[in-house]
Protein backbone atom coordinates (compact mmCIF):
# COMPACT_ATOMS: atom_id res chain seq x y z
CA MET A 1 -39.68 26.03 -30.03
CA GLY A 2 -41.51 29.29 -29.00
CA ALA A 3 -39.92 32.84 -28.55
CA VAL A 4 -35.96 32.38 -28.43
CA ILE A 5 -32.93 34.61 -28.13
CA ARG A 6 -29.47 34.34 -29.04
CA GLY A 7 -27.32 32.48 -26.52
CA THR A 8 -24.62 35.28 -26.90
CA SER A 9 -27.14 37.27 -24.74
CA LEU A 10 -25.68 35.43 -21.86
CA ARG A 11 -22.16 36.32 -22.67
CA GLY A 12 -20.04 37.07 -19.39
CA PHE A 13 -22.93 35.03 -17.34
CA ALA A 14 -20.93 32.48 -16.20
CA SER A 15 -18.22 34.53 -14.72
CA LEU A 16 -20.32 37.14 -13.21
CA VAL A 17 -22.06 34.16 -11.33
CA GLU A 18 -18.67 32.81 -10.23
CA GLU A 19 -17.53 36.25 -9.02
CA LEU A 20 -20.81 36.63 -6.95
CA GLY A 21 -20.06 32.95 -5.23
CA GLY A 22 -22.91 30.94 -7.50
CA ASP A 23 -22.57 27.93 -9.81
CA PRO A 24 -23.52 28.65 -13.22
CA GLY A 25 -23.79 25.48 -14.24
CA SER A 26 -26.84 24.99 -11.67
CA PHE A 27 -28.57 28.14 -13.14
CA LEU A 28 -28.51 26.70 -16.35
CA GLN A 29 -29.85 23.00 -15.42
CA ARG A 30 -32.73 24.75 -13.18
CA PHE A 31 -33.98 26.45 -16.26
CA SER A 32 -33.17 23.72 -19.04
CA ILE A 33 -30.50 26.03 -21.05
CA PRO A 34 -27.77 23.84 -22.36
CA PRO A 35 -24.26 25.09 -22.00
CA GLU A 36 -23.43 24.80 -25.54
CA ALA A 37 -26.13 27.31 -26.66
CA LEU A 38 -23.92 29.97 -24.79
CA ALA A 39 -20.63 28.58 -26.49
CA SER A 40 -22.04 28.96 -30.03
CA ASP A 41 -22.75 32.30 -31.56
CA GLU A 42 -25.49 30.66 -33.32
CA GLY A 43 -26.94 28.95 -30.32
CA LEU A 44 -30.48 29.83 -29.27
CA VAL A 45 -32.25 29.78 -25.78
CA GLN A 46 -36.03 30.14 -25.03
CA ILE A 47 -36.18 33.72 -23.86
CA THR A 48 -38.50 33.02 -20.93
CA SER A 49 -36.07 30.52 -19.50
CA HIS A 50 -33.31 32.93 -20.35
CA ASP A 51 -35.27 35.89 -18.42
CA LEU A 52 -36.30 33.83 -15.47
CA MET A 53 -32.62 32.73 -14.95
CA LEU A 54 -31.62 36.22 -15.02
CA ASP A 55 -34.30 37.20 -12.26
CA ALA A 56 -33.63 34.15 -10.06
CA ALA A 57 -29.64 34.78 -10.15
CA ALA A 58 -30.19 38.23 -8.92
CA ARG A 59 -32.52 37.14 -6.14
CA ASP A 60 -30.31 34.21 -4.99
CA LEU A 61 -27.07 35.79 -5.51
CA HIS A 62 -28.36 38.94 -3.30
CA CYS A 63 -27.20 41.18 -6.74
CA PRO A 64 -30.10 43.42 -7.41
CA ASP A 65 -28.08 45.22 -10.00
CA PHE A 66 -27.21 41.92 -11.97
CA GLY A 67 -28.66 43.09 -15.16
CA LEU A 68 -26.62 46.01 -15.20
CA ARG A 69 -23.59 44.31 -14.45
CA LEU A 70 -24.18 41.62 -17.02
CA ALA A 71 -24.51 44.74 -19.63
CA LEU A 72 -21.02 45.86 -18.46
CA ARG A 73 -19.41 42.58 -19.82
CA GLN A 74 -21.13 42.91 -23.23
CA ASP A 75 -20.90 44.72 -26.53
CA LEU A 76 -22.48 45.14 -29.55
CA SER A 77 -20.78 41.83 -30.99
CA ILE A 78 -23.54 39.93 -29.21
CA LEU A 79 -25.60 40.57 -32.17
CA GLY A 80 -23.20 38.80 -34.70
CA ARG A 81 -23.68 39.92 -38.23
CA LEU A 82 -26.30 42.57 -36.92
CA ALA A 83 -23.31 44.12 -35.31
CA LEU A 84 -21.31 44.74 -38.62
CA ALA A 85 -24.27 46.30 -40.45
CA ILE A 86 -24.85 48.82 -37.27
CA GLN A 87 -21.20 49.50 -36.96
CA ALA A 88 -20.72 50.17 -40.64
CA SER A 89 -23.52 52.58 -40.60
CA SER A 90 -22.79 56.25 -41.37
CA THR A 91 -25.05 57.88 -38.92
CA VAL A 92 -26.85 57.16 -35.66
CA ALA A 93 -29.87 57.51 -37.44
CA GLU A 94 -28.92 54.58 -39.97
CA ALA A 95 -27.84 52.38 -37.40
CA LEU A 96 -31.14 52.53 -35.29
CA GLU A 97 -32.92 52.01 -38.77
CA CYS A 98 -30.93 48.88 -39.29
CA ALA A 99 -31.41 47.50 -35.60
CA SER A 100 -34.99 48.16 -35.81
CA ARG A 101 -35.25 46.37 -38.93
CA PHE A 102 -33.25 43.30 -37.97
CA MET A 103 -33.58 42.95 -34.28
CA PHE A 104 -35.71 40.09 -34.51
CA VAL A 105 -32.29 38.06 -35.68
CA HIS A 106 -31.23 38.27 -32.18
CA SER A 107 -35.03 37.72 -30.59
CA PRO A 108 -38.24 38.16 -32.11
CA ALA A 109 -39.70 39.12 -29.11
CA LEU A 110 -37.50 42.18 -28.88
CA SER A 111 -37.56 45.53 -30.66
CA VAL A 112 -35.79 48.75 -30.60
CA ALA A 113 -37.31 52.27 -32.47
CA VAL A 114 -36.92 55.97 -32.54
CA GLU A 115 -40.18 57.51 -31.37
CA PRO A 116 -41.48 60.97 -30.21
CA ASP A 117 -40.50 62.17 -27.03
CA PRO A 118 -43.08 60.52 -24.34
CA ARG A 119 -42.52 64.17 -22.43
CA GLY A 120 -43.71 66.08 -25.43
CA ARG A 121 -40.26 67.59 -26.01
CA ARG A 122 -39.80 68.45 -29.81
CA ASP A 123 -36.14 68.32 -29.75
CA VAL A 124 -35.92 65.17 -27.97
CA VAL A 125 -36.67 61.85 -29.06
CA ALA A 126 -37.05 58.36 -27.46
CA LEU A 127 -34.81 55.10 -28.12
CA THR A 128 -37.19 52.65 -27.16
CA TYR A 129 -36.28 49.10 -26.08
CA ARG A 130 -39.36 46.80 -26.00
CA LYS A 131 -40.37 42.92 -25.18
CA ASP A 132 -43.47 41.57 -26.66
CA LEU A 133 -45.32 40.16 -23.79
CA ARG A 134 -47.40 38.29 -25.86
CA GLU A 135 -44.30 35.96 -26.28
CA SER A 136 -42.73 36.12 -22.97
CA PRO A 137 -43.54 37.54 -19.58
CA TYR A 138 -41.62 40.77 -18.34
CA SER A 139 -38.32 40.70 -16.69
CA PRO A 140 -37.03 43.38 -14.72
CA GLN A 141 -33.25 42.10 -14.94
CA ALA A 142 -33.48 41.25 -18.46
CA MET A 143 -34.89 44.76 -19.33
CA GLU A 144 -32.20 46.21 -17.32
CA LEU A 145 -29.62 44.19 -19.21
CA GLY A 146 -31.13 45.17 -22.58
CA LEU A 147 -31.60 48.68 -21.77
CA GLY A 148 -27.90 48.83 -20.11
CA LEU A 149 -26.56 47.26 -23.10
CA PHE A 150 -28.38 49.86 -25.49
CA HIS A 151 -26.80 52.66 -23.59
CA GLN A 152 -23.27 51.25 -23.56
CA THR A 153 -23.55 50.39 -27.42
CA ALA A 154 -24.58 53.98 -28.10
CA VAL A 155 -21.90 55.58 -25.88
CA ALA A 156 -19.33 53.23 -27.80
CA LEU A 157 -20.65 54.11 -31.25
CA VAL A 158 -20.68 57.89 -30.64
CA GLY A 159 -17.84 58.34 -28.07
CA GLY A 160 -20.36 59.58 -25.24
CA LEU A 161 -24.13 60.15 -25.07
CA THR A 162 -23.74 64.06 -24.18
CA GLY A 163 -27.42 64.52 -25.46
CA LEU A 164 -29.06 62.09 -22.89
CA ARG A 165 -31.78 63.70 -21.10
CA SER A 166 -33.04 61.03 -18.97
CA VAL A 167 -33.67 57.09 -18.76
CA GLU A 168 -37.06 55.55 -18.45
CA LEU A 169 -37.73 52.13 -16.87
CA PRO A 170 -41.01 50.37 -16.73
CA HIS A 171 -40.69 48.92 -13.31
CA GLY A 172 -39.59 50.42 -10.01
CA PRO A 173 -36.06 50.78 -9.02
CA LEU A 174 -34.35 47.30 -7.95
CA SER A 175 -31.23 48.91 -6.57
CA PRO A 176 -30.59 52.36 -4.74
CA VAL A 177 -31.46 54.99 -7.51
CA SER A 178 -27.71 56.32 -7.09
CA ARG A 179 -26.79 52.94 -8.83
CA TYR A 180 -28.87 53.79 -11.97
CA THR A 181 -27.72 57.19 -12.43
CA GLU A 182 -24.08 56.22 -11.74
CA PHE A 183 -24.67 53.65 -14.58
CA PHE A 184 -26.23 55.81 -17.01
CA GLY A 185 -24.93 59.02 -16.10
CA ALA A 186 -28.57 60.79 -16.23
CA ASP A 187 -31.62 61.17 -14.35
CA VAL A 188 -33.60 57.80 -14.05
CA LYS A 189 -37.39 57.52 -14.15
CA PHE A 190 -39.26 54.47 -13.12
CA GLN A 191 -42.68 52.99 -13.98
CA CYS A 192 -42.73 54.32 -17.23
CA PRO A 193 -45.08 52.93 -20.12
CA THR A 194 -41.90 52.02 -21.85
CA ALA A 195 -38.21 51.35 -21.63
CA ALA A 196 -36.37 54.19 -23.29
CA LEU A 197 -33.33 56.56 -23.46
CA ARG A 198 -34.49 60.07 -23.96
CA VAL A 199 -31.91 61.99 -26.16
CA GLN A 200 -31.60 65.15 -28.10
CA ARG A 201 -32.93 64.97 -31.65
CA SER A 202 -29.66 66.13 -32.95
CA LEU A 203 -27.83 63.04 -31.96
CA LEU A 204 -29.62 61.24 -34.73
CA ASP A 205 -27.07 63.11 -37.17
CA GLU A 206 -24.22 62.25 -35.50
CA GLU A 207 -21.85 60.44 -37.92
CA PHE A 208 -19.58 57.44 -37.42
CA LEU A 209 -15.93 57.82 -38.25
CA GLU A 210 -15.56 54.36 -39.30
CA SER A 211 -18.63 53.99 -41.55
CA ASP A 212 -18.42 51.67 -44.57
CA ALA A 213 -21.20 51.62 -47.04
CA THR A 214 -19.89 48.34 -48.69
CA ILE A 215 -19.58 46.45 -45.41
CA ARG A 216 -22.86 47.78 -44.41
CA ARG A 217 -24.76 46.72 -47.77
CA LEU A 218 -23.19 43.06 -47.78
CA ALA A 219 -24.04 42.87 -44.05
CA VAL A 220 -27.75 43.94 -44.80
CA ASP A 221 -27.91 41.74 -47.83
CA TYR A 222 -26.87 38.75 -45.96
CA LEU A 223 -29.69 39.42 -43.17
CA ALA A 224 -32.33 40.02 -45.76
CA ARG A 225 -31.35 36.66 -47.61
CA HIS A 226 -31.07 34.49 -44.63
CA HIS A 227 -33.58 35.76 -41.95
CA THR A 228 -37.31 36.08 -42.55
CA ASP A 229 -39.20 38.84 -40.18
CA PRO A 230 -41.45 36.77 -38.01
CA GLU A 231 -44.19 39.32 -38.71
CA ARG A 232 -44.30 37.91 -42.10
CA ARG A 233 -44.70 34.14 -41.28
CA ILE A 234 -48.01 32.68 -40.90
CA SER A 235 -46.97 30.53 -38.03
CA THR A 236 -46.59 33.78 -36.15
CA GLN A 237 -50.42 34.72 -36.75
CA VAL A 238 -51.10 31.21 -35.86
CA ARG A 239 -49.17 31.23 -32.61
CA ARG A 240 -50.68 34.48 -31.43
CA ALA A 241 -53.98 33.37 -32.31
CA LEU A 242 -53.77 30.39 -30.02
CA THR A 243 -51.84 32.19 -27.11
CA GLU A 244 -55.10 34.23 -27.01
CA SER A 245 -57.63 31.62 -27.04
CA VAL A 246 -55.79 28.75 -25.42
CA GLY A 247 -57.55 28.47 -21.97
CA THR A 248 -60.54 30.23 -22.95
CA SER A 249 -61.96 27.93 -26.05
CA THR A 250 -60.88 24.62 -27.57
CA PRO A 251 -58.29 24.97 -29.94
CA ALA A 252 -59.16 24.11 -33.72
CA ILE A 253 -57.42 24.48 -36.61
CA ARG A 254 -60.66 25.43 -38.17
CA HIS A 255 -60.95 28.41 -35.82
CA VAL A 256 -57.89 29.65 -36.27
CA ALA A 257 -58.08 29.16 -40.25
CA GLU A 258 -61.51 31.01 -40.17
CA LEU A 259 -59.90 34.06 -38.11
CA LEU A 260 -57.04 34.32 -40.55
CA ALA A 261 -59.63 34.10 -43.60
CA MET A 262 -58.43 30.92 -45.16
CA HIS A 263 -59.36 27.38 -45.53
CA PRO A 264 -57.75 24.86 -42.95
CA ARG A 265 -56.04 23.06 -45.68
CA THR A 266 -54.59 26.40 -47.13
CA LEU A 267 -53.47 26.95 -43.66
CA GLN A 268 -51.68 23.62 -43.39
CA ARG A 269 -49.81 23.97 -46.76
CA ARG A 270 -48.53 27.60 -45.75
CA LEU A 271 -47.30 25.91 -42.28
CA ALA A 272 -45.86 23.14 -43.76
CA ALA A 273 -43.96 25.49 -46.10
CA GLU A 274 -42.52 27.03 -43.11
CA SER A 275 -41.77 23.43 -41.81
CA THR A 276 -43.99 23.19 -39.16
CA GLY A 277 -47.61 22.30 -38.27
CA PHE A 278 -50.73 23.28 -36.36
CA GLU A 279 -50.37 20.73 -33.50
CA GLU A 280 -46.33 21.49 -33.12
CA ILE A 281 -47.39 25.17 -32.50
CA LEU A 282 -50.16 24.21 -30.48
CA GLU A 283 -47.74 22.16 -28.27
CA ASP A 284 -45.12 25.37 -27.93
CA VAL A 285 -47.93 27.55 -26.86
CA ARG A 286 -49.09 25.31 -24.03
CA ARG A 287 -45.54 24.60 -23.07
CA ASP A 288 -44.69 28.17 -22.98
CA LEU A 289 -47.87 29.18 -21.22
CA ALA A 290 -47.73 26.46 -18.62
CA LEU A 291 -43.91 27.38 -17.92
CA ARG A 292 -45.02 31.33 -17.56
CA TYR A 293 -47.90 30.53 -14.98
CA ILE A 294 -45.89 27.77 -13.13
CA THR A 295 -42.99 29.88 -12.45
CA THR A 296 -44.19 33.33 -12.40
CA SER A 297 -47.40 32.69 -10.35
CA ASP A 298 -48.60 30.99 -7.30
CA LEU A 299 -51.53 29.64 -9.08
CA PRO A 300 -52.63 26.01 -7.87
CA MET A 301 -51.70 23.33 -10.50
CA GLY A 302 -55.11 22.74 -11.50
CA GLN A 303 -55.64 26.40 -12.64
CA VAL A 304 -52.42 26.36 -14.37
CA ALA A 305 -53.77 23.34 -16.32
CA ALA A 306 -56.85 25.25 -17.49
CA MET A 307 -55.16 28.35 -18.45
CA ALA A 308 -52.74 26.28 -20.33
CA GLY A 309 -55.49 24.53 -22.36
CA PHE A 310 -55.50 21.14 -20.34
CA ALA A 311 -58.72 19.33 -19.49
CA TYR A 312 -57.31 17.79 -16.42
CA GLN A 313 -54.36 18.64 -13.93
CA SER A 314 -52.96 15.07 -14.63
CA ALA A 315 -52.74 16.09 -18.34
CA LEU A 316 -50.54 19.22 -17.38
CA SER A 317 -48.39 16.39 -15.14
CA HIS A 318 -47.83 14.26 -18.18
CA ALA A 319 -46.96 17.02 -20.44
CA ALA A 320 -44.49 18.58 -18.07
CA ARG A 321 -42.60 15.06 -17.52
CA ARG A 322 -42.50 15.00 -21.54
CA TRP A 323 -41.32 18.71 -21.98
CA TRP A 324 -39.11 18.85 -18.68
CA GLY A 325 -38.70 15.34 -17.34
CA ILE A 326 -40.11 16.45 -13.85
CA SER A 327 -43.58 17.47 -12.55
CA PRO A 328 -45.04 21.06 -12.53
CA SER A 329 -44.16 21.41 -8.86
CA GLU A 330 -40.66 20.28 -9.24
CA VAL A 331 -40.59 22.92 -12.29
CA ARG A 332 -41.90 25.62 -10.05
CA ALA A 333 -39.69 24.47 -6.87
CA ARG A 334 -36.44 24.52 -9.21
CA ALA A 335 -37.28 28.02 -10.86
CA ARG A 336 -37.55 29.24 -7.19
CA GLY A 337 -34.19 27.40 -6.21
CA THR A 338 -36.06 25.51 -3.37
CA SER A 339 -36.04 22.14 -4.81
């Protein structure tokens, strides 16, 4: 499976869709998301399918602020054990350090960080929220959900964001600008390089009244023992190498091994130690690339096949039926609600 996100990220999705007159089950089916993944705290969903569904729901239900509305139905608890570690932190800076270190537990494609102010003010920092576009395409609704929840969480933890100077979004406004300023309570700027909350640097020193060093230590120890940062996995390096090369050259384990400065047999052993293999990762990469090009572009299927590493369009068709049980054209039509 490619990059995933915890199913808890869709908490409140069904009720919101129903309130807007839609059928949540039909959206889940369209994007091959099993309903049980939303019912379990440990359920995982492919992040590309997750994000495409949010964009489709906003479009089909004529609700341009869908992501922001969904953020209002969620709280920090969607992060599971990571939420415990964050809530038990002593300061905002400590909580953000913990979130930055373990955000991959929620989704390896997402990250948060504290960075210098993009507008150059020394008394301001940027609390950034990013999606790794090597793992999955950009989604405006998913970005608004994530940044909206980031904001909601910060408000809940410190009792308000009086130090919020502005909010930055990488895309243009989906709703009237007044909707954004109403939600965030601050000026919102669009078409920015990175999604971020710009706050006074002094906010990092704010203390949490309910901090608990023991709970935080136990939660952090659990996360460190049971979850390995994907950046340290050889399978992540192989996946990224294949993502960059599929469609431009013939994928072969010897080429990837050479790129990673190791013998092919050594690479095979290290992948086996992570309970995967080269062909399995290649299959995942091809499926994810195919889904991206099929659902987010109008490219002819022959070109999609080539970009996903298939020699012939018929090979893509066979693969699509293996992966999703339907043809590539049916996948595109289903994603756009035209089937």
